[in-house]
Amino acid sequence: MKRVELLAPAGDFEKLKIAIEYGADAVYFGGEMFSLRAGAGNMTVAQIYEAVRYAHERNVRCHLALNVYAHNEDILPLQEYLKAIREIPLDAYIVSDPAVMQLLREEIPEAEIHLSTQANMTNYVTANYWRNQGVKRLVLARELTLDEIRQIRENLPADTELESFVHGAMCISYSGRCLLSNFMTGRDANRGACAHPCRYKYRLEEEKRPGEYWPVDEDDRGTYIFNSKDLCMLEHLPELIGAGIDSFKIEGRMKSIFYIAHVIKAYRTAIDAYYQDPEGYVYDPDWAREMCKASHREFTTGFYFRKPTGEDQEYLTSDYVREYSFVGLVKDYDTASGIATVEQRNKMDLGDTIEVFGPKGRYFTQKLEYMTDEEGEPICSAPHPQQILKIKMAQPVAEMFMLRKEK
């Protein structure tokens, strides 16, 4: 049975390593230019070389986002950028603009091209058009239902792949083609600089009463009128696989390594459980409970089963649910002494109860009873960002395990 791909976001090299360690089959990331997440950290050409080497050593594919909508002034810099990266053995390029696609083919003729969700591909005729242009994979618009996806799959050759977002932020505009940010702040979402005005709190001002602001309410529930809940399809993987989707995409190149670890682990665990016994597969609610220990918004299934309603919006707040703090990242572990070298990420104190988790298996809980600084001097508190600590662990751990603390 062909297995679905789990495709993880990698906003920078550290996030790429975490995504791979926690179970991604493939990762996608942007360079310093020409991707739609200008604030994600992204990678230099040298870092992309190193990232691809690191991933390929672990049999993980690398997809480079080149999904900007180019303006005239972007063309020459883009051509130079393609020359700079053409020797890197990237597995695929994510593209939305036909001009970028053409320039990519001219500079890297063997490039595998994936059509970005920004291209708003919503029907099988358009799907076949792009296939005839040599596109290997189509990243579906988020506005499609499962029935529509099945129809697209049935009307495409089997060698054309379908990729679909299964988890992460939803945009109020059609697959991200938003002009609010450009209009309100001058930051162009279609060139990677979205200011996320859909998360703002809005009030109404009457023209002849300047300074008098009135709340914009929908059934007295609040004023975040554009604020969507986040997509989560963890509970519905068999339906997605049955619709013919080849790759499950996780949104979040700007999210933390703590978030990426939780989400990728949850989907990896569920996918593996499904393929181990497709007929007897049973969804485990513990997968979602564990995943939600990373910050998140309330969840929706988006367009997959029905047209979204007010129940799929969050009118009261744009804040995340944050019930746990990420307090440490394991850098090394000494099996003889049971002491881990930990990079602090948030304040922790002796006596704190922490949870420790890694890429596989369940987490364990322990009290912080032994902690020193990098030189081995005992300390009772670790308040300094990214200070190096030595912590006695109750069970064996390994590099890239994480420590969290309930708030």
Foldseek 3Di string as FASTA:
>chain_A
DAAFFEEEEALALVLLVLLVFLPGQEYEYEACFQAQANPLNHHHLVRLLVSCVVQVVSNHAYEYENAFADDPVVVVVLLVVLLSNLPRPHQAYEYAYVVSVVSNCVSNVVHAYEYHLVNADQAQVVVVVVVVVVHQEYEHWLQYALVRLLRNCVSDPLRRAYEYEAWWADFLDGSQCDCPQCVPPVAHSSGRGRPPCLQDFDWDDDPVHPPDTHADDDVNQAGSVSAFFIGHCLQPVVSVVVSRHRYHYYDDSNDDSVLSSLVSLLSSVQSVQCVVPVVPRDDDCVSVVSNVQAWGGDYDNDNHHHHDDPVRGRRHHSGTDHFKDFFWFFAAADPVQQKTKIFTAAKDFAQAKKWKDGSDDDIDIDGFHFKDFPVRHTDGMDHDHRGIMITRDPDDDGGGITIMGGD
